[in-house]
C-alpha atoms as a PDB file:
ATOM      1  CA  MET A   1     -23.212  21.562  -4.629  1.00  0.00           C
ATOM      2  CA  LYS A   2     -24.888  18.200  -4.087  1.00  0.00           C
ATOM      3  CA  ILE A   3     -24.295  16.278  -0.849  1.00  0.00           C
ATOM      4  CA  VAL A   4     -25.723  12.785  -0.419  1.00  0.00           C
ATOM      5  CA  VAL A   5     -26.646  12.112   3.224  1.00  0.00           C
ATOM      6  CA  VAL A   6     -26.866   8.563   4.586  1.00  0.00           C
ATOM      7  CA  SER A   7     -26.946   6.812   7.940  1.00  0.00           C
ATOM      8  CA  ASP A   8     -27.440   3.380   9.438  1.00  0.00           C
ATOM      9  CA  THR A   9     -26.195   1.327   6.491  1.00  0.00           C
ATOM     10  CA  HIS A  10     -25.375  -1.615   8.815  1.00  0.00           C
ATOM     11  CA  MET A  11     -23.437  -3.323   6.038  1.00  0.00           C
ATOM     12  CA  PRO A  12     -22.875  -6.108   5.226  1.00  0.00           C
ATOM     13  CA  ARG A  13     -25.504  -7.499   7.621  1.00  0.00           C
ATOM     14  CA  MET A  14     -28.412  -5.530   6.110  1.00  0.00           C
ATOM     15  CA  ALA A  15     -27.119  -5.356   2.524  1.00  0.00           C
ATOM     16  CA  LYS A  16     -24.206  -6.822   0.611  1.00  0.00           C
ATOM     17  CA  LYS A  17     -23.885  -3.782  -1.656  1.00  0.00           C
ATOM     18  CA  LEU A  18     -25.006  -0.178  -1.866  1.00  0.00           C
ATOM     19  CA  PRO A  19     -28.605  -0.057  -3.147  1.00  0.00           C
ATOM     20  CA  ASP A  20     -29.007   0.818  -6.837  1.00  0.00           C
ATOM     21  CA  ARG A  21     -31.313   3.755  -5.997  1.00  0.00           C
ATOM     22  CA  LEU A  22     -28.622   5.247  -3.761  1.00  0.00           C
ATOM     23  CA  VAL A  23     -25.874   4.650  -6.322  1.00  0.00           C
ATOM     24  CA  ARG A  24     -27.803   6.670  -8.917  1.00  0.00           C
ATOM     25  CA  ASP A  25     -27.466   9.765  -6.748  1.00  0.00           C
ATOM     26  CA  LEU A  26     -23.917   8.996  -5.626  1.00  0.00           C
ATOM     27  CA  ARG A  27     -22.691   9.208  -9.225  1.00  0.00           C
ATOM     28  CA  ASP A  28     -22.955  13.013  -9.369  1.00  0.00           C
ATOM     29  CA  ALA A  29     -22.439  13.815  -5.685  1.00  0.00           C
ATOM     30  CA  ASP A  30     -19.889  16.439  -4.706  1.00  0.00           C
ATOM     31  CA  ALA A  31     -19.671  15.001  -1.181  1.00  0.00           C
ATOM     32  CA  ILE A  32     -21.174  12.221   0.933  1.00  0.00           C
ATOM     33  CA  LEU A  33     -21.963  12.453   4.654  1.00  0.00           C
ATOM     34  CA  HIS A  34     -22.685   9.402   6.820  1.00  0.00           C
ATOM     35  CA  ALA A  35     -24.292   9.774  10.263  1.00  0.00           C
ATOM     36  CA  GLY A  36     -22.996   6.517  11.744  1.00  0.00           C
ATOM     37  CA  ASP A  37     -23.591   2.790  11.994  1.00  0.00           C
ATOM     38  CA  TRP A  38     -21.443   2.031   8.968  1.00  0.00           C
ATOM     39  CA  THR A  39     -20.359  -1.180  10.819  1.00  0.00           C
ATOM     40  CA  GLN A  40     -17.356  -1.709   8.501  1.00  0.00           C
ATOM     41  CA  LEU A  41     -14.783   0.624   6.944  1.00  0.00           C
ATOM     42  CA  ALA A  42     -15.563  -1.093   3.643  1.00  0.00           C
ATOM     43  CA  VAL A  43     -18.713   1.077   3.525  1.00  0.00           C
ATOM     44  CA  TRP A  44     -16.556   4.216   3.648  1.00  0.00           C
ATOM     45  CA  GLU A  45     -14.380   2.767   0.877  1.00  0.00           C
ATOM     46  CA  ALA A  46     -17.420   2.001  -1.296  1.00  0.00           C
ATOM     47  CA  LEU A  47     -18.894   5.483  -0.803  1.00  0.00           C
ATOM     48  CA  SER A  48     -15.524   7.183  -1.306  1.00  0.00           C
ATOM     49  CA  ALA A  49     -15.326   5.688  -4.792  1.00  0.00           C
ATOM     50  CA  TYR A  50     -18.045   8.215  -5.752  1.00  0.00           C
ATOM     51  CA  ALA A  51     -17.106  11.404  -3.854  1.00  0.00           C
ATOM     52  CA  PRO A  52     -15.214  12.606  -0.790  1.00  0.00           C
ATOM     53  CA  THR A  53     -16.906  10.942   2.185  1.00  0.00           C
ATOM     54  CA  ASP A  54     -16.956  11.943   5.839  1.00  0.00           C
ATOM     55  CA  GLY A  55     -19.133  11.214   8.834  1.00  0.00           C
ATOM     56  CA  VAL A  56     -19.265  10.037  12.421  1.00  0.00           C
ATOM     57  CA  ALA A  57     -19.335   6.745  14.284  1.00  0.00           C
ATOM     58  CA  GLY A  58     -22.538   5.225  15.644  1.00  0.00           C
ATOM     59  CA  ASN A  59     -23.319   2.818  18.452  1.00  0.00           C
ATOM     60  CA  ASN A  60     -22.735  -0.231  16.218  1.00  0.00           C
ATOM     61  CA  ASP A  61     -19.338   0.932  14.964  1.00  0.00           C
ATOM     62  CA  GLY A  62     -16.127  -0.468  16.385  1.00  0.00           C
ATOM     63  CA  ASP A  63     -12.893   1.148  17.504  1.00  0.00           C
ATOM     64  CA  ARG A  64     -11.431   1.570  14.006  1.00  0.00           C
ATOM     65  CA  ILE A  65     -14.432   3.528  12.733  1.00  0.00           C
ATOM     66  CA  THR A  66     -14.637   5.574  15.933  1.00  0.00           C
ATOM     67  CA  ALA A  67     -10.921   6.410  15.709  1.00  0.00           C
ATOM     68  CA  LYS A  68     -11.285   7.472  12.067  1.00  0.00           C
ATOM     69  CA  PHE A  69     -14.420   9.618  12.410  1.00  0.00           C
ATOM     70  CA  GLY A  70     -15.169  10.393  16.069  1.00  0.00           C
ATOM     71  CA  HIS A  71     -18.717  10.805  17.365  1.00  0.00           C
ATOM     72  CA  ARG A  72     -19.414  14.433  16.490  1.00  0.00           C
ATOM     73  CA  LYS A  73     -18.186  17.076  14.055  1.00  0.00           C
ATOM     74  CA  ILE A  74     -19.050  20.272  12.255  1.00  0.00           C
ATOM     75  CA  LEU A  75     -18.267  20.637   8.549  1.00  0.00           C
ATOM     76  CA  THR A  76     -18.767  23.663   6.313  1.00  0.00           C
ATOM     77  CA  PHE A  77     -19.900  23.458   2.697  1.00  0.00           C
ATOM     78  CA  GLY A  78     -20.559  26.599   0.666  1.00  0.00           C
ATOM     79  CA  GLY A  79     -20.831  28.674   3.828  1.00  0.00           C
ATOM     80  CA  VAL A  80     -23.366  26.294   5.435  1.00  0.00           C
ATOM     81  CA  ARG A  81     -22.286  24.819   8.782  1.00  0.00           C
ATOM     82  CA  ILE A  82     -23.474  21.228   9.216  1.00  0.00           C
ATOM     83  CA  GLY A  83     -23.242  19.325  12.488  1.00  0.00           C
ATOM     84  CA  ILE A  84     -23.123  15.550  12.260  1.00  0.00           C
ATOM     85  CA  VAL A  85     -23.785  13.143  15.125  1.00  0.00           C
ATOM     86  CA  HIS A  86     -25.342   9.691  15.353  1.00  0.00           C
ATOM     87  CA  GLY A  87     -27.717  10.662  18.169  1.00  0.00           C
ATOM     88  CA  HIS A  88     -27.221   7.755  20.539  1.00  0.00           C
ATOM     89  CA  ILE A  89     -25.190   9.669  23.126  1.00  0.00           C
ATOM     90  CA  GLY A  90     -27.071  11.954  25.445  1.00  0.00           C
ATOM     91  CA  GLY A  91     -29.448  12.359  28.281  1.00  0.00           C
ATOM     92  CA  GLY A  92     -31.130   9.159  29.421  1.00  0.00           C
ATOM     93  CA  ARG A  93     -34.579   8.833  27.901  1.00  0.00           C
ATOM     94  CA  ALA A  94     -34.255  11.825  25.585  1.00  0.00           C
ATOM     95  CA  SER A  95     -35.218  11.226  21.977  1.00  0.00           C
ATOM     96  CA  THR A  96     -32.576  10.720  19.327  1.00  0.00           C
ATOM     97  CA  GLU A  97     -33.466  14.100  17.855  1.00  0.00           C
ATOM     98  CA  THR A  98     -33.101  15.815  21.246  1.00  0.00           C
ATOM     99  CA  ASN A  99     -29.715  14.142  21.793  1.00  0.00           C
ATOM    100  CA  ALA A 100     -28.581  15.292  18.345  1.00  0.00           C
ATOM    101  CA  PHE A 101     -29.779  18.849  18.935  1.00  0.00           C
ATOM    102  CA  ALA A 102     -28.105  18.990  22.365  1.00  0.00           C
ATOM    103  CA  ALA A 103     -24.786  17.797  20.911  1.00  0.00           C
ATOM    104  CA  PHE A 104     -24.378  21.220  19.266  1.00  0.00           C
ATOM    105  CA  ALA A 105     -25.749  23.441  22.053  1.00  0.00           C
ATOM    106  CA  GLY A 106     -23.977  26.784  22.105  1.00  0.00           C
ATOM    107  CA  GLU A 107     -22.441  26.318  18.652  1.00  0.00           C
ATOM    108  CA  ARG A 108     -23.518  27.916  15.412  1.00  0.00           C
ATOM    109  CA  VAL A 109     -24.803  25.305  12.964  1.00  0.00           C
ATOM    110  CA  ASP A 110     -27.316  25.669  10.163  1.00  0.00           C
ATOM    111  CA  ALA A 111     -28.241  21.981  10.103  1.00  0.00           C
ATOM    112  CA  VAL A 112     -27.766  18.866  12.222  1.00  0.00           C
ATOM    113  CA  ILE A 113     -27.589  15.490  10.512  1.00  0.00           C
ATOM    114  CA  PHE A 114     -28.284  12.525  12.765  1.00  0.00           C
ATOM    115  CA  GLY A 115     -29.237   8.862  12.489  1.00  0.00           C
ATOM    116  CA  HIS A 116     -29.762   6.032  15.002  1.00  0.00           C
ATOM    117  CA  SER A 117     -33.575   5.781  14.818  1.00  0.00           C
ATOM    118  CA  HIS A 118     -33.755   4.850  11.095  1.00  0.00           C
ATOM    119  CA  ILE A 119     -36.717   7.262  10.904  1.00  0.00           C
ATOM    120  CA  PRO A 120     -36.521  10.025   8.284  1.00  0.00           C
ATOM    121  CA  VAL A 121     -36.870  13.457   9.889  1.00  0.00           C
ATOM    122  CA  MET A 122     -36.766  16.905   8.322  1.00  0.00           C
ATOM    123  CA  LYS A 123     -37.897  19.804  10.469  1.00  0.00           C
ATOM    124  CA  GLU A 124     -36.699  23.062  11.895  1.00  0.00           C
ATOM    125  CA  ARG A 125     -35.856  23.403  15.571  1.00  0.00           C
ATOM    126  CA  ASP A 126     -34.893  26.842  16.875  1.00  0.00           C
ATOM    127  CA  GLY A 127     -33.816  27.877  13.373  1.00  0.00           C
ATOM    128  CA  ILE A 128     -31.716  24.748  12.789  1.00  0.00           C
ATOM    129  CA  LEU A 129     -32.618  22.112  10.206  1.00  0.00           C
ATOM    130  CA  MET A 130     -32.815  18.741  11.951  1.00  0.00           C
ATOM    131  CA  PHE A 131     -32.296  16.014   9.350  1.00  0.00           C
ATOM    132  CA  ASN A 132     -32.283  12.241   9.740  1.00  0.00           C
ATOM    133  CA  PRO A 133     -31.905  10.536   6.357  1.00  0.00           C
ATOM    134  CA  GLY A 134     -33.360   7.247   7.616  1.00  0.00           C
ATOM    135  CA  SER A 135     -31.584   4.149   6.313  1.00  0.00           C
ATOM    136  CA  PRO A 136     -30.901   3.068   2.727  1.00  0.00           C
ATOM    137  CA  THR A 137     -30.631  -0.597   3.779  1.00  0.00           C
ATOM    138  CA  ASP A 138     -32.569  -1.172   7.029  1.00  0.00           C
ATOM    139  CA  LYS A 139     -35.994   0.479   7.069  1.00  0.00           C
ATOM    140  CA  ARG A 140     -37.113  -1.368  10.208  1.00  0.00           C
ATOM    141  CA  ARG A 141     -40.787  -0.454  10.659  1.00  0.00           C
ATOM    142  CA  GLN A 142     -40.701   2.352   8.082  1.00  0.00           C
ATOM    143  CA  LYS A 143     -42.593   2.032   4.826  1.00  0.00           C
ATOM    144  CA  HIS A 144     -39.540   2.990   2.737  1.00  0.00           C
ATOM    145  CA  TYR A 145     -35.772   2.799   2.638  1.00  0.00           C
ATOM    146  CA  SER A 146     -34.359   6.297   2.479  1.00  0.00           C
ATOM    147  CA  PHE A 147     -31.437   8.682   2.245  1.00  0.00           C
ATOM    148  CA  GLY A 148     -31.148  12.423   1.824  1.00  0.00           C
ATOM    149  CA  ILE A 149     -29.822  15.015  -0.550  1.00  0.00           C
ATOM    150  CA  PHE A 150     -28.594  18.450   0.460  1.00  0.00           C
ATOM    151  CA  ARG A 151     -28.181  21.054  -2.248  1.00  0.00           C
ATOM    152  CA  ILE A 152     -26.207  24.152  -1.373  1.00  0.00           C
ATOM    153  CA  ASP A 153     -26.289  27.152  -3.696  1.00  0.00           C
ATOM    154  CA  ASP A 154     -25.149  30.677  -2.786  1.00  0.00           C
ATOM    155  CA  GLY A 155     -25.049  29.799   0.922  1.00  0.00           C
ATOM    156  CA  ARG A 156     -28.592  28.381   0.880  1.00  0.00           C
ATOM    157  CA  LEU A 157     -29.389  24.837   1.907  1.00  0.00           C
ATOM    158  CA  ARG A 158     -32.235  22.790   0.432  1.00  0.00           C
ATOM    159  CA  ALA A 159     -32.865  19.294   1.750  1.00  0.00           C
ATOM    160  CA  GLU A 160     -34.971  16.372   0.579  1.00  0.00           C
ATOM    161  CA  HIS A 161     -35.527  12.703   1.333  1.00  0.00           C
ATOM    162  CA  ILE A 162     -35.324  10.054  -1.353  1.00  0.00           C
ATOM    163  CA  LEU A 163     -37.715   7.206  -0.544  1.00  0.00           C
ATOM    164  CA  TYR A 164     -37.814   3.805  -2.253  1.00  0.00           C
ATOM    165  CA  THR A 165     -39.127   0.294  -1.643  1.00  0.00           C
ATOM    166  CA  ASP A 166     -36.454  -1.959  -3.200  1.00  0.00           C
ATOM    167  CA  LYS A 167     -32.959  -1.961  -1.707  1.00  0.00           C
ATOM    168  CA  LYS A 168     -31.433  -4.040  -4.522  1.00  0.00           C
END
């Protein structure tokens, strides 16, 4: 199973369309997960044209997106439990990653997908994969635009970042 993981699309302000590099991987995706800051439901509609799409709301998403997705959820794919949260809600000056990790305290998850910082992250924390795909449209001070791919086979999760320099 192939899951494309995105966050912080901030469309249409940061891009008028999904980047070509992202679309290449959307074409054969089995599912798409978005970790917030869609900014318009049109982004969900565009992604859903490729595969079933789910996610959470971020700090730049309005009431309609928040009502549709909520701020936190756990989904299971192929026996792998994936927590999704934007990462902006939490304890004061805590890092986005710490906020995301804390959002699932006491629950069994194999991975936590988060966004908010636009910084790609892939590391293990207490046996849980912490994964921020970065942003496919708003790299901020990062060298590359980015998104992620999860592959799940026989209950095993493999994750990778896709990095690129042209968001056209």
